[in-house]
PDB file of all heavy atoms in Angstrom:
ATOM      1  N   VAL A   1     100.749 169.490  97.838  1.00  0.00           N
ATOM      2  CA  VAL A   1     101.646 168.390  98.191  1.00  0.00           C
ATOM      3  C   VAL A   1     102.385 168.746  99.497  1.00  0.00           C
ATOM      4  O   VAL A   1     102.861 169.863  99.658  1.00  0.00           O
ATOM      5  CB  VAL A   1     102.600 168.052  97.018  1.00  0.00           C
ATOM      6  CG1 VAL A   1     103.610 169.158  96.784  1.00  0.00           C
ATOM      7  CG2 VAL A   1     103.291 166.744  97.251  1.00  0.00           C
ATOM      8  N   PRO A   2     102.457 167.829 100.466  1.00  0.00           N
ATOM      9  CA  PRO A   2     103.105 168.136 101.736  1.00  0.00           C
ATOM     10  C   PRO A   2     104.603 168.477 101.647  1.00  0.00           C
ATOM     11  O   PRO A   2     105.096 169.294 102.406  1.00  0.00           O
ATOM     12  CB  PRO A   2     102.904 166.858 102.556  1.00  0.00           C
ATOM     13  CG  PRO A   2     101.715 166.197 101.941  1.00  0.00           C
ATOM     14  CD  PRO A   2     101.795 166.529 100.488  1.00  0.00           C
ATOM     15  N   LEU A   3     105.323 167.861 100.712  1.00  0.00           N
ATOM     16  CA  LEU A   3     106.747 168.078 100.573  1.00  0.00           C
ATOM     17  C   LEU A   3     107.054 168.325  99.110  1.00  0.00           C
ATOM     18  O   LEU A   3     106.782 167.497  98.269  1.00  0.00           O
ATOM     19  CB  LEU A   3     107.563 166.876 101.076  1.00  0.00           C
ATOM     20  CG  LEU A   3     109.055 166.867 100.782  1.00  0.00           C
ATOM     21  CD1 LEU A   3     109.762 168.061 101.419  1.00  0.00           C
ATOM     22  CD2 LEU A   3     109.671 165.563 101.272  1.00  0.00           C
ATOM     23  N   LEU A   4     107.659 169.467  98.810  1.00  0.00           N
ATOM     24  CA  LEU A   4     108.057 169.842  97.454  1.00  0.00           C
ATOM     25  C   LEU A   4     109.581 169.898  97.417  1.00  0.00           C
ATOM     26  O   LEU A   4     110.200 170.647  98.170  1.00  0.00           O
ATOM     27  CB  LEU A   4     107.473 171.192  97.057  1.00  0.00           C
ATOM     28  CG  LEU A   4     107.867 171.729  95.678  1.00  0.00           C
ATOM     29  CD1 LEU A   4     107.447 170.768  94.581  1.00  0.00           C
ATOM     30  CD2 LEU A   4     107.248 173.100  95.472  1.00  0.00           C
ATOM     31  N   ILE A   5     110.156 169.070  96.544  1.00  0.00           N
ATOM     32  CA  ILE A   5     111.613 169.009  96.396  1.00  0.00           C
ATOM     33  C   ILE A   5     112.000 169.558  95.049  1.00  0.00           C
ATOM     34  O   ILE A   5     111.494 169.088  94.014  1.00  0.00           O
ATOM     35  CB  ILE A   5     112.119 167.531  96.537  1.00  0.00           C
ATOM     36  CG1 ILE A   5     111.679 166.943  97.862  1.00  0.00           C
ATOM     37  CG2 ILE A   5     113.637 167.478  96.366  1.00  0.00           C
ATOM     38  CD1 ILE A   5     111.871 165.433  97.971  1.00  0.00           C
ATOM     39  N   LEU A   6     112.861 170.541  95.044  1.00  0.00           N
ATOM     40  CA  LEU A   6     113.349 171.147  93.816  1.00  0.00           C
ATOM     41  C   LEU A   6     114.741 170.609  93.538  1.00  0.00           C
ATOM     42  O   LEU A   6     115.687 170.885  94.287  1.00  0.00           O
ATOM     43  CB  LEU A   6     113.367 172.664  93.982  1.00  0.00           C
ATOM     44  CG  LEU A   6     113.421 173.516  92.736  1.00  0.00           C
ATOM     45  CD1 LEU A   6     112.266 173.213  91.799  1.00  0.00           C
ATOM     46  CD2 LEU A   6     113.404 174.981  93.105  1.00  0.00           C
ATOM     47  N   ASP A   7     114.844 169.747  92.511  1.00  0.00           N
ATOM     48  CA  ASP A   7     116.122 169.129  92.148  1.00  0.00           C
ATOM     49  C   ASP A   7     116.826 170.031  91.134  1.00  0.00           C
ATOM     50  O   ASP A   7     116.400 170.162  90.003  1.00  0.00           O
ATOM     51  CB  ASP A   7     115.873 167.753  91.566  1.00  0.00           C
ATOM     52  CG  ASP A   7     117.154 167.016  91.205  1.00  0.00           C
ATOM     53  OD1 ASP A   7     118.263 167.602  91.311  1.00  0.00           O
ATOM     54  OD2 ASP A   7     117.047 165.846  90.785  1.00  0.00           O
ATOM     55  N   LEU A   8     117.917 170.674  91.564  1.00  0.00           N
ATOM     56  CA  LEU A   8     118.628 171.636  90.744  1.00  0.00           C
ATOM     57  C   LEU A   8     119.881 171.042  90.078  1.00  0.00           C
ATOM     58  O   LEU A   8     120.768 171.784  89.682  1.00  0.00           O
ATOM     59  CB  LEU A   8     119.011 172.858  91.602  1.00  0.00           C
ATOM     60  CG  LEU A   8     117.831 173.586  92.238  1.00  0.00           C
ATOM     61  CD1 LEU A   8     118.330 174.737  93.113  1.00  0.00           C
ATOM     62  CD2 LEU A   8     116.856 174.063  91.202  1.00  0.00           C
ATOM     63  N   THR A   9     119.930 169.734  89.927  1.00  0.00           N
ATOM     64  CA  THR A   9     121.080 169.069  89.326  1.00  0.00           C
ATOM     65  C   THR A   9     121.397 169.647  87.946  1.00  0.00           C
ATOM     66  O   THR A   9     122.539 169.789  87.566  1.00  0.00           O
ATOM     67  CB  THR A   9     120.842 167.555  89.240  1.00  0.00           C
ATOM     68  OG1 THR A   9     120.558 167.062  90.556  1.00  0.00           O
ATOM     69  CG2 THR A   9     122.060 166.835  88.684  1.00  0.00           C
ATOM     70  N   GLY A  10     120.354 170.015  87.188  1.00  0.00           N
ATOM     71  CA  GLY A  10     120.540 170.530  85.818  1.00  0.00           C
ATOM     72  C   GLY A  10     120.645 172.052  85.733  1.00  0.00           C
ATOM     73  O   GLY A  10     120.498 172.614  84.654  1.00  0.00           O
ATOM     74  N   VAL A  11     120.881 172.699  86.875  1.00  0.00           N
ATOM     75  CA  VAL A  11     120.975 174.165  86.899  1.00  0.00           C
ATOM     76  C   VAL A  11     122.406 174.561  87.261  1.00  0.00           C
ATOM     77  O   VAL A  11     122.885 174.242  88.334  1.00  0.00           O
ATOM     78  CB  VAL A  11     120.005 174.772  87.947  1.00  0.00           C
ATOM     79  CG1 VAL A  11     120.173 176.268  88.076  1.00  0.00           C
ATOM     80  CG2 VAL A  11     118.571 174.395  87.608  1.00  0.00           C
ATOM     81  N   ASP A  12     123.076 175.249  86.332  1.00  0.00           N
ATOM     82  CA  ASP A  12     124.455 175.674  86.613  1.00  0.00           C
ATOM     83  C   ASP A  12     124.572 177.190  86.770  1.00  0.00           C
ATOM     84  O   ASP A  12     125.657 177.716  86.973  1.00  0.00           O
ATOM     85  CB  ASP A  12     125.424 175.157  85.550  1.00  0.00           C
ATOM     86  CG  ASP A  12     125.100 175.660  84.163  1.00  0.00           C
ATOM     87  OD1 ASP A  12     124.159 176.463  83.991  1.00  0.00           O
ATOM     88  OD2 ASP A  12     125.795 175.237  83.217  1.00  0.00           O
ATOM     89  N   PHE A  13     123.425 177.899  86.708  1.00  0.00           N
ATOM     90  CA  PHE A  13     123.452 179.335  86.894  1.00  0.00           C
ATOM     91  C   PHE A  13     122.138 179.794  87.503  1.00  0.00           C
ATOM     92  O   PHE A  13     121.066 179.329  87.111  1.00  0.00           O
ATOM     93  CB  PHE A  13     123.647 180.078  85.550  1.00  0.00           C
ATOM     94  CG  PHE A  13     123.530 181.571  85.697  1.00  0.00           C
ATOM     95  CD1 PHE A  13     124.599 182.321  86.135  1.00  0.00           C
ATOM     96  CD2 PHE A  13     122.332 182.237  85.418  1.00  0.00           C
ATOM     97  CE1 PHE A  13     124.485 183.699  86.299  1.00  0.00           C
ATOM     98  CE2 PHE A  13     122.213 183.615  85.573  1.00  0.00           C
ATOM     99  CZ  PHE A  13     123.294 184.340  86.011  1.00  0.00           C
ATOM    100  N   CYS A  14     122.226 180.689  88.473  1.00  0.00           N
ATOM    101  CA  CYS A  14     121.042 181.365  88.981  1.00  0.00           C
ATOM    102  C   CYS A  14     121.430 182.776  89.402  1.00  0.00           C
ATOM    103  O   CYS A  14     122.580 183.021  89.772  1.00  0.00           O
ATOM    104  CB  CYS A  14     120.374 180.599  90.091  1.00  0.00           C
ATOM    105  SG  CYS A  14     121.280 180.537  91.634  1.00  0.00           S
ATOM    106  N   ASP A  15     120.487 183.697  89.290  1.00  0.00           N
ATOM    107  CA  ASP A  15     120.751 185.064  89.709  1.00  0.00           C
ATOM    108  C   ASP A  15     119.817 185.430  90.860  1.00  0.00           C
ATOM    109  O   ASP A  15     119.174 184.573  91.455  1.00  0.00           O
ATOM    110  CB  ASP A  15     120.639 186.031  88.514  1.00  0.00           C
ATOM    111  CG  ASP A  15     119.210 186.189  87.995  1.00  0.00           C
ATOM    112  OD1 ASP A  15     118.256 185.643  88.599  1.00  0.00           O
ATOM    113  OD2 ASP A  15     119.043 186.895  86.983  1.00  0.00           O
ATOM    114  N   SER A  16     119.743 186.725  91.181  1.00  0.00           N
ATOM    115  CA  SER A  16     118.935 187.158  92.329  1.00  0.00           C
ATOM    116  C   SER A  16     117.455 186.841  92.123  1.00  0.00           C
ATOM    117  O   SER A  16     116.731 186.639  93.104  1.00  0.00           O
ATOM    118  CB  SER A  16     119.134 188.657  92.559  1.00  0.00           C
ATOM    119  OG  SER A  16     118.733 189.401  91.434  1.00  0.00           O
ATOM    120  N   SER A  17     116.992 186.774  90.883  1.00  0.00           N
ATOM    121  CA  SER A  17     115.587 186.408  90.629  1.00  0.00           C
ATOM    122  C   SER A  17     115.326 184.988  91.102  1.00  0.00           C
ATOM    123  O   SER A  17     114.255 184.692  91.647  1.00  0.00           O
ATOM    124  CB  SER A  17     115.265 186.525  89.143  1.00  0.00           C
ATOM    125  OG  SER A  17     115.437 187.830  88.689  1.00  0.00           O
ATOM    126  N   ALA A  18     116.283 184.099  90.883  1.00  0.00           N
ATOM    127  CA  ALA A  18     116.159 182.716  91.334  1.00  0.00           C
ATOM    128  C   ALA A  18     116.133 182.665  92.861  1.00  0.00           C
ATOM    129  O   ALA A  18     115.301 181.956  93.451  1.00  0.00           O
ATOM    130  CB  ALA A  18     117.298 181.870  90.803  1.00  0.00           C
ATOM    131  N   LEU A  19     117.027 183.406  93.470  1.00  0.00           N
ATOM    132  CA  LEU A  19     117.065 183.422  94.951  1.00  0.00           C
ATOM    133  C   LEU A  19     115.742 183.912  95.509  1.00  0.00           C
ATOM    134  O   LEU A  19     115.207 183.367  96.477  1.00  0.00           O
ATOM    135  CB  LEU A  19     118.220 184.282  95.441  1.00  0.00           C
ATOM    136  CG  LEU A  19     119.617 183.888  94.945  1.00  0.00           C
ATOM    137  CD1 LEU A  19     120.667 184.803  95.571  1.00  0.00           C
ATOM    138  CD2 LEU A  19     119.923 182.437  95.212  1.00  0.00           C
ATOM    139  N   GLY A  20     115.206 184.973  94.897  1.00  0.00           N
ATOM    140  CA  GLY A  20     113.916 185.485  95.335  1.00  0.00           C
ATOM    141  C   GLY A  20     112.813 184.455  95.157  1.00  0.00           C
ATOM    142  O   GLY A  20     111.937 184.319  96.027  1.00  0.00           O
ATOM    143  N   ALA A  21     112.861 183.702  94.066  1.00  0.00           N
ATOM    144  CA  ALA A  21     111.853 182.656  93.828  1.00  0.00           C
ATOM    145  C   ALA A  21     111.966 181.555  94.878  1.00  0.00           C
ATOM    146  O   ALA A  21     110.959 181.095  95.416  1.00  0.00           O
ATOM    147  CB  ALA A  21     112.026 182.075  92.426  1.00  0.00           C
ATOM    148  N   PHE A  22     113.190 181.150  95.223  1.00  0.00           N
ATOM    149  CA  PHE A  22     113.388 180.106  96.240  1.00  0.00           C
ATOM    150  C   PHE A  22     112.822 180.567  97.579  1.00  0.00           C
ATOM    151  O   PHE A  22     112.125 179.811  98.273  1.00  0.00           O
ATOM    152  CB  PHE A  22     114.853 179.754  96.411  1.00  0.00           C
ATOM    153  CG  PHE A  22     115.533 179.202  95.188  1.00  0.00           C
ATOM    154  CD1 PHE A  22     116.902 179.307  95.057  1.00  0.00           C
ATOM    155  CD2 PHE A  22     114.832 178.580  94.163  1.00  0.00           C
ATOM    156  CE1 PHE A  22     117.563 178.812  93.932  1.00  0.00           C
ATOM    157  CE2 PHE A  22     115.477 178.079  93.029  1.00  0.00           C
ATOM    158  CZ  PHE A  22     116.851 178.200  92.924  1.00  0.00           C
ATOM    159  N   VAL A  23     113.127 181.785  97.962  1.00  0.00           N
ATOM    160  CA  VAL A  23     112.664 182.333  99.254  1.00  0.00           C
ATOM    161  C   VAL A  23     111.129 182.462  99.237  1.00  0.00           C
ATOM    162  O   VAL A  23     110.467 182.115 100.230  1.00  0.00           O
ATOM    163  CB  VAL A  23     113.342 183.683  99.561  1.00  0.00           C
ATOM    164  CG1 VAL A  23     112.687 184.351 100.760  1.00  0.00           C
ATOM    165  CG2 VAL A  23     114.833 183.479  99.805  1.00  0.00           C
ATOM    166  N   ASP A  24     110.574 182.928  98.127  1.00  0.00           N
ATOM    167  CA  ASP A  24     109.122 183.075  98.023  1.00  0.00           C
ATOM    168  C   ASP A  24     108.417 181.751  98.163  1.00  0.00           C
ATOM    169  O   ASP A  24     107.450 181.612  98.926  1.00  0.00           O
ATOM    170  CB  ASP A  24     108.782 183.737  96.669  1.00  0.00           C
ATOM    171  CG  ASP A  24     107.294 184.014  96.495  1.00  0.00           C
ATOM    172  OD1 ASP A  24     106.633 184.320  97.512  1.00  0.00           O
ATOM    173  OD2 ASP A  24     106.825 183.940  95.351  1.00  0.00           O
ATOM    174  N   ILE A  25     108.894 180.734  97.462  1.00  0.00           N
ATOM    175  CA  ILE A  25     108.280 179.400  97.554  1.00  0.00           C
ATOM    176  C   ILE A  25     108.423 178.851  98.972  1.00  0.00           C
ATOM    177  O   ILE A  25     107.474 178.287  99.529  1.00  0.00           O
ATOM    178  CB  ILE A  25     108.898 178.417  96.528  1.00  0.00           C
ATOM    179  CG1 ILE A  25     108.494 178.858  95.099  1.00  0.00           C
ATOM    180  CG2 ILE A  25     108.464 176.987  96.788  1.00  0.00           C
ATOM    181  CD1 ILE A  25     106.985 178.856  94.841  1.00  0.00           C
ATOM    182  N   HIS A  26     109.604 179.000  99.564  1.00  0.00           N
ATOM    183  CA  HIS A  26     109.816 178.517 100.919  1.00  0.00           C
ATOM    184  C   HIS A  26     108.843 179.195 101.894  1.00  0.00           C
ATOM    185  O   HIS A  26     108.214 178.530 102.728  1.00  0.00           O
ATOM    186  CB  HIS A  26     111.263 178.782 101.347  1.00  0.00           C
ATOM    187  CG  HIS A  26     111.588 178.379 102.739  1.00  0.00           C
ATOM    188  ND1 HIS A  26     111.542 177.067 103.155  1.00  0.00           N
ATOM    189  CD2 HIS A  26     111.949 179.112 103.811  1.00  0.00           C
ATOM    190  CE1 HIS A  26     111.870 177.010 104.433  1.00  0.00           C
ATOM    191  NE2 HIS A  26     112.112 178.240 104.857  1.00  0.00           N
ATOM    192  N   ARG A  27     108.672 180.504 101.761  1.00  0.00           N
ATOM    193  CA  ARG A  27     107.772 181.252 102.642  1.00  0.00           C
ATOM    194  C   ARG A  27     106.317 180.794 102.455  1.00  0.00           C
ATOM    195  O   ARG A  27     105.614 180.523 103.425  1.00  0.00           O
ATOM    196  CB  ARG A  27     107.872 182.748 102.371  1.00  0.00           C
ATOM    197  CG  ARG A  27     106.929 183.607 103.238  1.00  0.00           C
ATOM    198  CD  ARG A  27     106.868 185.044 102.753  1.00  0.00           C
ATOM    199  NE  ARG A  27     106.544 185.175 101.337  1.00  0.00           N
ATOM    200  CZ  ARG A  27     105.331 185.062 100.798  1.00  0.00           C
ATOM    201  NH1 ARG A  27     104.299 184.813 101.556  1.00  0.00           N
ATOM    202  NH2 ARG A  27     105.157 185.216  99.498  1.00  0.00           N
ATOM    203  N   ARG A  28     105.886 180.700 101.188  1.00  0.00           N
ATOM    204  CA  ARG A  28     104.508 180.269 100.912  1.00  0.00           C
ATOM    205  C   ARG A  28     104.238 178.889 101.470  1.00  0.00           C
ATOM    206  O   ARG A  28     103.180 178.643 102.064  1.00  0.00           O
ATOM    207  CB  ARG A  28     104.254 180.238  99.392  1.00  0.00           C
ATOM    208  CG  ARG A  28     104.172 181.576  98.731  1.00  0.00           C
ATOM    209  CD  ARG A  28     103.892 181.376  97.264  1.00  0.00           C
ATOM    210  NE  ARG A  28     104.135 182.555  96.475  1.00  0.00           N
ATOM    211  CZ  ARG A  28     103.416 182.888  95.413  1.00  0.00           C
ATOM    212  NH1 ARG A  28     102.428 182.127  95.021  1.00  0.00           N
ATOM    213  NH2 ARG A  28     103.704 183.959  94.736  1.00  0.00           N
ATOM    214  N   ARG A  29     105.174 177.978 101.282  1.00  0.00           N
ATOM    215  CA  ARG A  29     104.975 176.615 101.741  1.00  0.00           C
ATOM    216  C   ARG A  29     104.993 176.542 103.256  1.00  0.00           C
ATOM    217  O   ARG A  29     104.191 175.830 103.871  1.00  0.00           O
ATOM    218  CB  ARG A  29     105.998 175.682 101.099  1.00  0.00           C
ATOM    219  CG  ARG A  29     105.762 175.618  99.561  1.00  0.00           C
ATOM    220  CD  ARG A  29     106.445 174.500  98.905  1.00  0.00           C
ATOM    221  NE  ARG A  29     106.142 173.215  99.523  1.00  0.00           N
ATOM    222  CZ  ARG A  29     105.033 172.508  99.302  1.00  0.00           C
ATOM    223  NH1 ARG A  29     104.100 172.937  98.492  1.00  0.00           N
ATOM    224  NH2 ARG A  29     104.875 171.336  99.894  1.00  0.00           N
ATOM    225  N   SER A  30     105.901 177.299 103.896  1.00  0.00           N
ATOM    226  CA  SER A  30     105.926 177.312 105.370  1.00  0.00           C
ATOM    227  C   SER A  30     104.636 177.879 105.940  1.00  0.00           C
ATOM    228  O   SER A  30     104.083 177.330 106.896  1.00  0.00           O
ATOM    229  CB  SER A  30     107.112 178.169 105.849  1.00  0.00           C
ATOM    230  OG  SER A  30     108.327 177.536 105.514  1.00  0.00           O
ATOM    231  N   ASP A  31     104.139 178.962 105.328  1.00  0.00           N
ATOM    232  CA  ASP A  31     102.884 179.560 105.777  1.00  0.00           C
ATOM    233  C   ASP A  31     101.722 178.592 105.673  1.00  0.00           C
ATOM    234  O   ASP A  31     100.768 178.648 106.466  1.00  0.00           O
ATOM    235  CB  ASP A  31     102.561 180.828 104.984  1.00  0.00           C
ATOM    236  CG  ASP A  31     103.490 181.999 105.319  1.00  0.00           C
ATOM    237  OD1 ASP A  31     104.275 181.902 106.279  1.00  0.00           O
ATOM    238  OD2 ASP A  31     103.437 183.022 104.575  1.00  0.00           O
ATOM    239  N   ALA A  32     101.768 177.698 104.677  1.00  0.00           N
ATOM    240  CA  ALA A  32     100.690 176.715 104.453  1.00  0.00           C
ATOM    241  C   ALA A  32     100.922 175.442 105.256  1.00  0.00           C
ATOM    242  O   ALA A  32     100.118 174.511 105.165  1.00  0.00           O
ATOM    243  CB  ALA A  32     100.579 176.392 102.968  1.00  0.00           C
ATOM    244  N   GLY A  33     102.021 175.363 106.010  1.00  0.00           N
ATOM    245  CA  GLY A  33     102.318 174.162 106.801  1.00  0.00           C
ATOM    246  C   GLY A  33     102.927 173.045 105.987  1.00  0.00           C
ATOM    247  O   GLY A  33     102.886 171.882 106.384  1.00  0.00           O
ATOM    248  N   HIS A  34     103.520 173.377 104.848  1.00  0.00           N
ATOM    249  CA  HIS A  34     104.157 172.386 103.959  1.00  0.00           C
ATOM    250  C   HIS A  34     105.664 172.583 103.941  1.00  0.00           C
ATOM    251  O   HIS A  34     106.162 173.650 104.276  1.00  0.00           O
ATOM    252  CB  HIS A  34     103.605 172.497 102.538  1.00  0.00           C
ATOM    253  CG  HIS A  34     102.137 172.207 102.432  1.00  0.00           C
ATOM    254  ND1 HIS A  34     101.543 171.055 102.908  1.00  0.00           N
ATOM    255  CD2 HIS A  34     101.144 172.931 101.873  1.00  0.00           C
ATOM    256  CE1 HIS A  34     100.254 171.100 102.666  1.00  0.00           C
ATOM    257  NE2 HIS A  34      99.978 172.225 102.037  1.00  0.00           N
ATOM    258  N   ARG A  35     106.363 171.541 103.498  1.00  0.00           N
ATOM    259  CA  ARG A  35     107.830 171.569 103.474  1.00  0.00           C
ATOM    260  C   ARG A  35     108.337 171.841 102.057  1.00  0.00           C
ATOM    261  O   ARG A  35     107.659 171.551 101.067  1.00  0.00           O
ATOM    262  CB  ARG A  35     108.384 170.258 103.983  1.00  0.00           C
ATOM    263  CG  ARG A  35     108.105 170.035 105.452  1.00  0.00           C
ATOM    264  CD  ARG A  35     108.537 168.672 105.966  1.00  0.00           C
ATOM    265  NE  ARG A  35     109.892 168.344 105.584  1.00  0.00           N
ATOM    266  CZ  ARG A  35     110.301 167.108 105.291  1.00  0.00           C
ATOM    267  NH1 ARG A  35     109.470 166.090 105.346  1.00  0.00           N
ATOM    268  NH2 ARG A  35     111.553 166.869 104.967  1.00  0.00           N
ATOM    269  N   PHE A  36     109.576 172.342 102.000  1.00  0.00           N
ATOM    270  CA  PHE A  36     110.259 172.646 100.741  1.00  0.00           C
ATOM    271  C   PHE A  36     111.728 172.326 100.927  1.00  0.00           C
ATOM    272  O   PHE A  36     112.288 172.550 101.996  1.00  0.00           O
ATOM    273  CB  PHE A  36     110.072 174.138 100.420  1.00  0.00           C
ATOM    274  CG  PHE A  36     110.835 174.619  99.217  1.00  0.00           C
ATOM    275  CD1 PHE A  36     110.498 174.156  97.951  1.00  0.00           C
ATOM    276  CD2 PHE A  36     111.844 175.527  99.328  1.00  0.00           C
ATOM    277  CE1 PHE A  36     111.191 174.621  96.821  1.00  0.00           C
ATOM    278  CE2 PHE A  36     112.534 175.994  98.219  1.00  0.00           C
ATOM    279  CZ  PHE A  36     112.205 175.530  96.961  1.00  0.00           C
ATOM    280  N   ALA A  37     112.363 171.782  99.883  1.00  0.00           N
ATOM    281  CA  ALA A  37     113.794 171.497  99.980  1.00  0.00           C
ATOM    282  C   ALA A  37     114.437 171.647  98.598  1.00  0.00           C
ATOM    283  O   ALA A  37     113.794 171.423  97.569  1.00  0.00           O
ATOM    284  CB  ALA A  37     114.023 170.070 100.476  1.00  0.00           C
ATOM    285  N   LEU A  38     115.708 172.035  98.603  1.00  0.00           N
ATOM    286  CA  LEU A  38     116.526 172.128  97.409  1.00  0.00           C
ATOM    287  C   LEU A  38     117.525 170.975  97.426  1.00  0.00           C
ATOM    288  O   LEU A  38     118.093 170.667  98.481  1.00  0.00           O
ATOM    289  CB  LEU A  38     117.290 173.453  97.362  1.00  0.00           C
ATOM    290  CG  LEU A  38     116.468 174.738  97.361  1.00  0.00           C
ATOM    291  CD1 LEU A  38     117.403 175.935  97.480  1.00  0.00           C
ATOM    292  CD2 LEU A  38     115.648 174.832  96.106  1.00  0.00           C
ATOM    293  N   THR A  39     117.746 170.372  96.265  1.00  0.00           N
ATOM    294  CA  THR A  39     118.750 169.299  96.172  1.00  0.00           C
ATOM    295  C   THR A  39     119.586 169.491  94.912  1.00  0.00           C
ATOM    296  O   THR A  39     119.201 170.246  94.004  1.00  0.00           O
ATOM    297  CB  THR A  39     118.112 167.896  96.115  1.00  0.00           C
ATOM    298  OG1 THR A  39     117.375 167.760  94.915  1.00  0.00           O
ATOM    299  CG2 THR A  39     117.233 167.636  97.314  1.00  0.00           C
ATOM    300  N   GLY A  40     120.703 168.772  94.850  1.00  0.00           N
ATOM    301  CA  GLY A  40     121.507 168.712  93.645  1.00  0.00           C
ATOM    302  C   GLY A  40     122.175 170.012  93.248  1.00  0.00           C
ATOM    303  O   GLY A  40     122.321 170.290  92.070  1.00  0.00           O
ATOM    304  N   LEU A  41     122.587 170.797  94.222  1.00  0.00           N
ATOM    305  CA  LEU A  41     123.195 172.121  93.916  1.00  0.00           C
ATOM    306  C   LEU A  41     124.547 171.945  93.221  1.00  0.00           C
ATOM    307  O   LEU A  41     125.448 171.286  93.733  1.00  0.00           O
ATOM    308  CB  LEU A  41     123.398 172.938  95.179  1.00  0.00           C
ATOM    309  CG  LEU A  41     122.155 173.259  96.007  1.00  0.00           C
ATOM    310  CD1 LEU A  41     122.546 174.142  97.186  1.00  0.00           C
ATOM    311  CD2 LEU A  41     121.089 173.922  95.186  1.00  0.00           C
TER     312      LEU A  41
END
């Protein structure tokens, strides 16, 4: 999918594992020429 949006409205806690996952997905998608966004923080 060209644009992946992660809606975090229902997330009230994240730790370093979550941050690592966000960065990993962002990197993978950028490398593939696709976009990624976080919403609802």
